Amino acid sequence: MTSAVKRGTDYEREVVNMFKANGYECVRTARSHGEYDVIAYKKNGYKQICFIVMVQCKIKKQIQKEKHKK
């Protein structure tokens, strides 16, 4: 796995964990190259889907450089 692919995969997993920590169930569409990398949804007490979030994860070099400065 290339380092760019690994960074993207790690970031997608970070996004999934963030949603799961807030009560969502998530699906990561690994290497789909589609419009969405993560689909998160929250159910109400009757197991009906009441909120859906579709996320495309992007990492920019500028953000990574700022993170390494700290």
PDB file of N, CA and C in Angstrom:
ATOM      1  N   MET A   1       0.854  -1.176   0.000  1.00  0.00           N
ATOM      2  CA  MET A   1       0.000   0.000   0.000  1.00  0.00           C
ATOM      3  C   MET A   1       0.902   1.243   0.000  1.00  0.00           C
ATOM      4  N   THR A   2       0.618   2.173  -0.898  1.00  0.00           N
ATOM      5  CA  THR A   2       1.421   3.388  -0.946  1.00  0.00           C
ATOM      6  C   THR A   2       1.123   4.266   0.259  1.00  0.00           C
ATOM      7  N   SER A   3       2.044   5.148   0.566  1.00  0.00           N
ATOM      8  CA  SER A   3       1.830   5.984   1.745  1.00  0.00           C
ATOM      9  C   SER A   3       0.637   6.920   1.562  1.00  0.00           C
ATOM     10  N   ALA A   4       0.384   7.399   0.344  1.00  0.00           N
ATOM     11  CA  ALA A   4      -0.783   8.257   0.115  1.00  0.00           C
ATOM     12  C   ALA A   4      -2.079   7.478   0.332  1.00  0.00           C
ATOM     13  N   VAL A   5      -2.111   6.246  -0.139  1.00  0.00           N
ATOM     14  CA  VAL A   5      -3.291   5.395   0.065  1.00  0.00           C
ATOM     15  C   VAL A   5      -3.463   5.102   1.551  1.00  0.00           C
ATOM     16  N   LYS A   6      -2.373   4.816   2.235  1.00  0.00           N
ATOM     17  CA  LYS A   6      -2.438   4.520   3.678  1.00  0.00           C
ATOM     18  C   LYS A   6      -2.939   5.736   4.454  1.00  0.00           C
ATOM     19  N   ARG A   7      -2.446   6.927   4.104  1.00  0.00           N
ATOM     20  CA  ARG A   7      -2.910   8.141   4.794  1.00  0.00           C
ATOM     21  C   ARG A   7      -4.408   8.339   4.569  1.00  0.00           C
ATOM     22  N   GLY A   8      -4.866   8.111   3.335  1.00  0.00           N
ATOM     23  CA  GLY A   8      -6.283   8.249   3.039  1.00  0.00           C
ATOM     24  C   GLY A   8      -7.128   7.246   3.790  1.00  0.00           C
ATOM     25  N   THR A   9      -6.664   6.002   3.829  1.00  0.00           N
ATOM     26  CA  THR A   9      -7.377   4.945   4.556  1.00  0.00           C
ATOM     27  C   THR A   9      -7.426   5.256   6.052  1.00  0.00           C
ATOM     28  N   ASP A  10      -6.308   5.689   6.604  1.00  0.00           N
ATOM     29  CA  ASP A  10      -6.270   6.039   8.026  1.00  0.00           C
ATOM     30  C   ASP A  10      -7.232   7.180   8.339  1.00  0.00           C
ATOM     31  N   TYR A  11      -7.287   8.158   7.438  1.00  0.00           N
ATOM     32  CA  TYR A  11      -8.190   9.290   7.649  1.00  0.00           C
ATOM     33  C   TYR A  11      -9.647   8.847   7.571  1.00  0.00           C
ATOM     34  N   GLU A  12      -9.978   7.984   6.615  1.00  0.00           N
ATOM     35  CA  GLU A  12     -11.348   7.471   6.514  1.00  0.00           C
ATOM     36  C   GLU A  12     -11.728   6.734   7.784  1.00  0.00           C
ATOM     37  N   ARG A  13     -10.820   5.937   8.317  1.00  0.00           N
ATOM     38  CA  ARG A  13     -11.094   5.204   9.570  1.00  0.00           C
ATOM     39  C   ARG A  13     -11.278   6.168  10.741  1.00  0.00           C
ATOM     40  N   GLU A  14     -10.520   7.259  10.741  1.00  0.00           N
ATOM     41  CA  GLU A  14     -10.673   8.283  11.778  1.00  0.00           C
ATOM     42  C   GLU A  14     -12.060   8.917  11.710  1.00  0.00           C
ATOM     43  N   VAL A  15     -12.532   9.191  10.496  1.00  0.00           N
ATOM     44  CA  VAL A  15     -13.869   9.754  10.306  1.00  0.00           C
ATOM     45  C   VAL A  15     -14.930   8.761  10.770  1.00  0.00           C
ATOM     46  N   VAL A  16     -14.775   7.490  10.419  1.00  0.00           N
ATOM     47  CA  VAL A  16     -15.715   6.447  10.859  1.00  0.00           C
ATOM     48  C   VAL A  16     -15.772   6.402  12.383  1.00  0.00           C
ATOM     49  N   ASN A  17     -14.610   6.403  13.033  1.00  0.00           N
ATOM     50  CA  ASN A  17     -14.573   6.349  14.498  1.00  0.00           C
ATOM     51  C   ASN A  17     -15.233   7.566  15.131  1.00  0.00           C
ATOM     52  N   MET A  18     -15.081   8.740  14.509  1.00  0.00           N
ATOM     53  CA  MET A  18     -15.712   9.950  15.015  1.00  0.00           C
ATOM     54  C   MET A  18     -17.240   9.813  14.984  1.00  0.00           C
ATOM     55  N   PHE A  19     -17.757   9.320  13.854  1.00  0.00           N
ATOM     56  CA  PHE A  19     -19.202   9.141  13.760  1.00  0.00           C
ATOM     57  C   PHE A  19     -19.694   8.068  14.736  1.00  0.00           C
ATOM     58  N   LYS A  20     -18.978   6.956  14.842  1.00  0.00           N
ATOM     59  CA  LYS A  20     -19.381   5.893  15.764  1.00  0.00           C
ATOM     60  C   LYS A  20     -19.411   6.382  17.206  1.00  0.00           C
ATOM     61  N   ALA A  21     -18.471   7.242  17.569  1.00  0.00           N
ATOM     62  CA  ALA A  21     -18.429   7.801  18.925  1.00  0.00           C
ATOM     63  C   ALA A  21     -19.644   8.687  19.205  1.00  0.00           C
ATOM     64  N   ASN A  22     -20.296   9.144  18.141  1.00  0.00           N
ATOM     65  CA  ASN A  22     -21.482   9.987  18.286  1.00  0.00           C
ATOM     66  C   ASN A  22     -22.778   9.236  17.993  1.00  0.00           C
ATOM     67  N   GLY A  23     -22.721   7.902  18.060  1.00  0.00           N
ATOM     68  CA  GLY A  23     -23.927   7.094  17.964  1.00  0.00           C
ATOM     69  C   GLY A  23     -24.359   6.681  16.568  1.00  0.00           C
ATOM     70  N   TYR A  24     -23.518   6.881  15.580  1.00  0.00           N
ATOM     71  CA  TYR A  24     -23.843   6.496  14.214  1.00  0.00           C
ATOM     72  C   TYR A  24     -23.331   5.089  13.909  1.00  0.00           C
ATOM     73  N   GLU A  25     -23.978   4.437  12.963  1.00  0.00           N
ATOM     74  CA  GLU A  25     -23.453   3.214  12.377  1.00  0.00           C
ATOM     75  C   GLU A  25     -22.841   3.636  11.042  1.00  0.00           C
ATOM     76  N   CYS A  26     -21.718   3.018  10.679  1.00  0.00           N
ATOM     77  CA  CYS A  26     -20.975   3.491   9.500  1.00  0.00           C
ATOM     78  C   CYS A  26     -20.600   2.372   8.557  1.00  0.00           C
ATOM     79  N   VAL A  27     -20.457   2.754   7.294  1.00  0.00           N
ATOM     80  CA  VAL A  27     -19.943   1.876   6.253  1.00  0.00           C
ATOM     81  C   VAL A  27     -18.851   2.658   5.542  1.00  0.00           C
ATOM     82  N   ARG A  28     -17.669   2.059   5.440  1.00  0.00           N
ATOM     83  CA  ARG A  28     -16.570   2.678   4.695  1.00  0.00           C
ATOM     84  C   ARG A  28     -16.476   1.970   3.359  1.00  0.00           C
ATOM     85  N   THR A  29     -16.568   2.720   2.275  1.00  0.00           N
ATOM     86  CA  THR A  29     -16.512   2.126   0.946  1.00  0.00           C
ATOM     87  C   THR A  29     -15.054   2.132   0.482  1.00  0.00           C
ATOM     88  N   ALA A  30     -14.314   1.130   0.908  1.00  0.00           N
ATOM     89  CA  ALA A  30     -12.871   1.058   0.678  1.00  0.00           C
ATOM     90  C   ALA A  30     -12.529   1.033  -0.801  1.00  0.00           C
ATOM     91  N   ARG A  31     -11.638   1.918  -1.203  1.00  0.00           N
ATOM     92  CA  ARG A  31     -11.114   2.006  -2.570  1.00  0.00           C
ATOM     93  C   ARG A  31     -12.204   2.035  -3.634  1.00  0.00           C
ATOM     94  N   SER A  32     -13.299   2.675  -3.316  1.00  0.00           N
ATOM     95  CA  SER A  32     -14.414   2.699  -4.272  1.00  0.00           C
ATOM     96  C   SER A  32     -14.195   3.733  -5.375  1.00  0.00           C
ATOM     97  N   HIS A  33     -13.429   4.774  -5.108  1.00  0.00           N
ATOM     98  CA  HIS A  33     -13.214   5.874  -6.047  1.00  0.00           C
ATOM     99  C   HIS A  33     -14.539   6.493  -6.481  1.00  0.00           C
ATOM    100  N   GLY A  34     -15.535   6.350  -5.643  1.00  0.00           N
ATOM    101  CA  GLY A  34     -16.845   6.922  -5.935  1.00  0.00           C
ATOM    102  C   GLY A  34     -17.018   8.275  -5.276  1.00  0.00           C
ATOM    103  N   GLU A  35     -18.253   8.728  -5.209  1.00  0.00           N
ATOM    104  CA  GLU A  35     -18.544  10.037  -4.637  1.00  0.00           C
ATOM    105  C   GLU A  35     -18.378  10.060  -3.123  1.00  0.00           C
ATOM    106  N   TYR A  36     -18.583   8.926  -2.453  1.00  0.00           N
ATOM    107  CA  TYR A  36     -18.564   8.896  -0.993  1.00  0.00           C
ATOM    108  C   TYR A  36     -17.581   7.847  -0.492  1.00  0.00           C
ATOM    109  N   ASP A  37     -16.849   8.217   0.563  1.00  0.00           N
ATOM    110  CA  ASP A  37     -15.921   7.288   1.194  1.00  0.00           C
ATOM    111  C   ASP A  37     -16.521   6.666   2.451  1.00  0.00           C
ATOM    112  N   VAL A  38     -17.383   7.430   3.119  1.00  0.00           N
ATOM    113  CA  VAL A  38     -18.008   6.968   4.359  1.00  0.00           C
ATOM    114  C   VAL A  38     -19.490   7.295   4.299  1.00  0.00           C
ATOM    115  N   ILE A  39     -20.314   6.325   4.663  1.00  0.00           N
ATOM    116  CA  ILE A  39     -21.748   6.541   4.798  1.00  0.00           C
ATOM    117  C   ILE A  39     -22.084   6.241   6.257  1.00  0.00           C
ATOM    118  N   ALA A  40     -22.630   7.241   6.936  1.00  0.00           N
ATOM    119  CA  ALA A  40     -22.981   7.096   8.350  1.00  0.00           C
ATOM    120  C   ALA A  40     -24.488   7.304   8.493  1.00  0.00           C
ATOM    121  N   TYR A  41     -25.091   6.530   9.382  1.00  0.00           N
ATOM    122  CA  TYR A  41     -26.526   6.690   9.604  1.00  0.00           C
ATOM    123  C   TYR A  41     -26.846   6.447  11.063  1.00  0.00           C
ATOM    124  N   LYS A  42     -27.897   7.117  11.512  1.00  0.00           N
ATOM    125  CA  LYS A  42     -28.336   7.015  12.897  1.00  0.00           C
ATOM    126  C   LYS A  42     -29.778   6.535  12.893  1.00  0.00           C
ATOM    127  N   LYS A  43     -30.077   5.599  13.771  1.00  0.00           N
ATOM    128  CA  LYS A  43     -31.430   5.058  13.850  1.00  0.00           C
ATOM    129  C   LYS A  43     -32.127   5.583  15.095  1.00  0.00           C
ATOM    130  N   ASN A  44     -33.451   5.649  15.026  1.00  0.00           N
ATOM    131  CA  ASN A  44     -34.188   6.030  16.223  1.00  0.00           C
ATOM    132  C   ASN A  44     -34.554   4.768  16.998  1.00  0.00           C
ATOM    133  N   GLY A  45     -35.337   4.881  18.042  1.00  0.00           N
ATOM    134  CA  GLY A  45     -35.680   3.755  18.900  1.00  0.00           C
ATOM    135  C   GLY A  45     -36.436   2.634  18.216  1.00  0.00           C
ATOM    136  N   TYR A  46     -37.049   2.918  17.090  1.00  0.00           N
ATOM    137  CA  TYR A  46     -37.816   1.907  16.373  1.00  0.00           C
ATOM    138  C   TYR A  46     -37.026   1.274  15.242  1.00  0.00           C
ATOM    139  N   LYS A  47     -35.718   1.488  15.226  1.00  0.00           N
ATOM    140  CA  LYS A  47     -34.817   0.924  14.208  1.00  0.00           C
ATOM    141  C   LYS A  47     -35.126   1.427  12.806  1.00  0.00           C
ATOM    142  N   GLN A  48     -35.666   2.629  12.733  1.00  0.00           N
ATOM    143  CA  GLN A  48     -35.883   3.249  11.438  1.00  0.00           C
ATOM    144  C   GLN A  48     -34.768   4.261  11.226  1.00  0.00           C
ATOM    145  N   ILE A  49     -34.236   4.313  10.023  1.00  0.00           N
ATOM    146  CA  ILE A  49     -33.182   5.281   9.735  1.00  0.00           C
ATOM    147  C   ILE A  49     -33.786   6.673   9.784  1.00  0.00           C
ATOM    148  N   CYS A  50     -33.158   7.546  10.568  1.00  0.00           N
ATOM    149  CA  CYS A  50     -33.704   8.898  10.670  1.00  0.00           C
ATOM    150  C   CYS A  50     -32.710   9.962  10.208  1.00  0.00           C
ATOM    151  N   PHE A  51     -31.422   9.612  10.033  1.00  0.00           N
ATOM    152  CA  PHE A  51     -30.450  10.607   9.596  1.00  0.00           C
ATOM    153  C   PHE A  51     -29.325   9.906   8.856  1.00  0.00           C
ATOM    154  N   ILE A  52     -29.003  10.366   7.649  1.00  0.00           N
ATOM    155  CA  ILE A  52     -27.948   9.759   6.846  1.00  0.00           C
ATOM    156  C   ILE A  52     -26.936  10.840   6.460  1.00  0.00           C
ATOM    157  N   VAL A  53     -25.644  10.495   6.588  1.00  0.00           N
ATOM    158  CA  VAL A  53     -24.563  11.402   6.210  1.00  0.00           C
ATOM    159  C   VAL A  53     -23.662  10.660   5.231  1.00  0.00           C
ATOM    160  N   MET A  54     -23.361  11.291   4.096  1.00  0.00           N
ATOM    161  CA  MET A  54     -22.434  10.715   3.126  1.00  0.00           C
ATOM    162  C   MET A  54     -21.241  11.662   3.010  1.00  0.00           C
ATOM    163  N   VAL A  55     -20.035  11.111   3.228  1.00  0.00           N
ATOM    164  CA  VAL A  55     -18.835  11.940   3.342  1.00  0.00           C
ATOM    165  C   VAL A  55     -17.790  11.513   2.323  1.00  0.00           C
ATOM    166  N   GLN A  56     -17.196  12.496   1.676  1.00  0.00           N
ATOM    167  CA  GLN A  56     -16.025  12.229   0.849  1.00  0.00           C
ATOM    168  C   GLN A  56     -14.828  12.801   1.603  1.00  0.00           C
ATOM    169  N   CYS A  57     -13.885  11.946   1.958  1.00  0.00           N
ATOM    170  CA  CYS A  57     -12.731  12.333   2.775  1.00  0.00           C
ATOM    171  C   CYS A  57     -11.584  12.773   1.876  1.00  0.00           C
ATOM    172  N   LYS A  58     -11.007  13.913   2.194  1.00  0.00           N
ATOM    173  CA  LYS A  58      -9.864  14.421   1.445  1.00  0.00           C
ATOM    174  C   LYS A  58      -8.796  14.884   2.422  1.00  0.00           C
ATOM    175  N   ILE A  59      -7.553  14.604   2.081  1.00  0.00           N
ATOM    176  CA  ILE A  59      -6.421  15.102   2.853  1.00  0.00           C
ATOM    177  C   ILE A  59      -5.638  16.024   1.944  1.00  0.00           C
ATOM    178  N   LYS A  60      -5.344  17.203   2.428  1.00  0.00           N
ATOM    179  CA  LYS A  60      -4.561  18.148   1.641  1.00  0.00           C
ATOM    180  C   LYS A  60      -3.177  18.266   2.248  1.00  0.00           C
ATOM    181  N   LYS A  61      -2.182  18.454   1.414  1.00  0.00           N
ATOM    182  CA  LYS A  61      -0.807  18.541   1.878  1.00  0.00           C
ATOM    183  C   LYS A  61      -0.612  19.683   2.866  1.00  0.00           C
ATOM    184  N   GLN A  62      -1.307  20.786   2.664  1.00  0.00           N
ATOM    185  CA  GLN A  62      -1.163  21.936   3.547  1.00  0.00           C
ATOM    186  C   GLN A  62      -1.573  21.577   4.968  1.00  0.00           C
ATOM    187  N   ILE A  63      -2.654  20.853   5.111  1.00  0.00           N
ATOM    188  CA  ILE A  63      -3.120  20.440   6.432  1.00  0.00           C
ATOM    189  C   ILE A  63      -2.092  19.521   7.077  1.00  0.00           C
ATOM    190  N   GLN A  64      -1.544  18.598   6.308  1.00  0.00           N
ATOM    191  CA  GLN A  64      -0.557  17.678   6.852  1.00  0.00           C
ATOM    192  C   GLN A  64       0.698  18.428   7.290  1.00  0.00           C
ATOM    193  N   LYS A  65       1.136  19.437   6.540  1.00  0.00           N
ATOM    194  CA  LYS A  65       2.316  20.206   6.914  1.00  0.00           C
ATOM    195  C   LYS A  65       2.089  20.945   8.216  1.00  0.00           C
ATOM    196  N   GLU A  66       0.882  21.531   8.387  1.00  0.00           N
ATOM    197  CA  GLU A  66       0.564  22.234   9.620  1.00  0.00           C
ATOM    198  C   GLU A  66       0.550  21.283  10.798  1.00  0.00           C
ATOM    199  N   LYS A  67       0.077  20.080  10.586  1.00  0.00           N
ATOM    200  CA  LYS A  67       0.005  19.088  11.652  1.00  0.00           C
ATOM    201  C   LYS A  67       1.425  18.690  12.100  1.00  0.00           C
ATOM    202  N   HIS A  68       2.355  18.604  11.158  1.00  0.00           N
ATOM    203  CA  HIS A  68       3.731  18.203  11.486  1.00  0.00           C
ATOM    204  C   HIS A  68       4.499  19.325  12.187  1.00  0.00           C
ATOM    205  N   LYS A  69       4.061  20.580  12.028  1.00  0.00           N
ATOM    206  CA  LYS A  69       4.739  21.697  12.683  1.00  0.00           C
ATOM    207  C   LYS A  69       4.564  21.662  14.193  1.00  0.00           C
ATOM    208  N   LYS A  70       3.474  21.084  14.659  1.00  0.00           N
ATOM    209  CA  LYS A  70       3.164  21.069  16.098  1.00  0.00           C
ATOM    210  C   LYS A  70       4.016  20.114  16.852  1.00  0.00           C
TER     211      LYS A  70
END
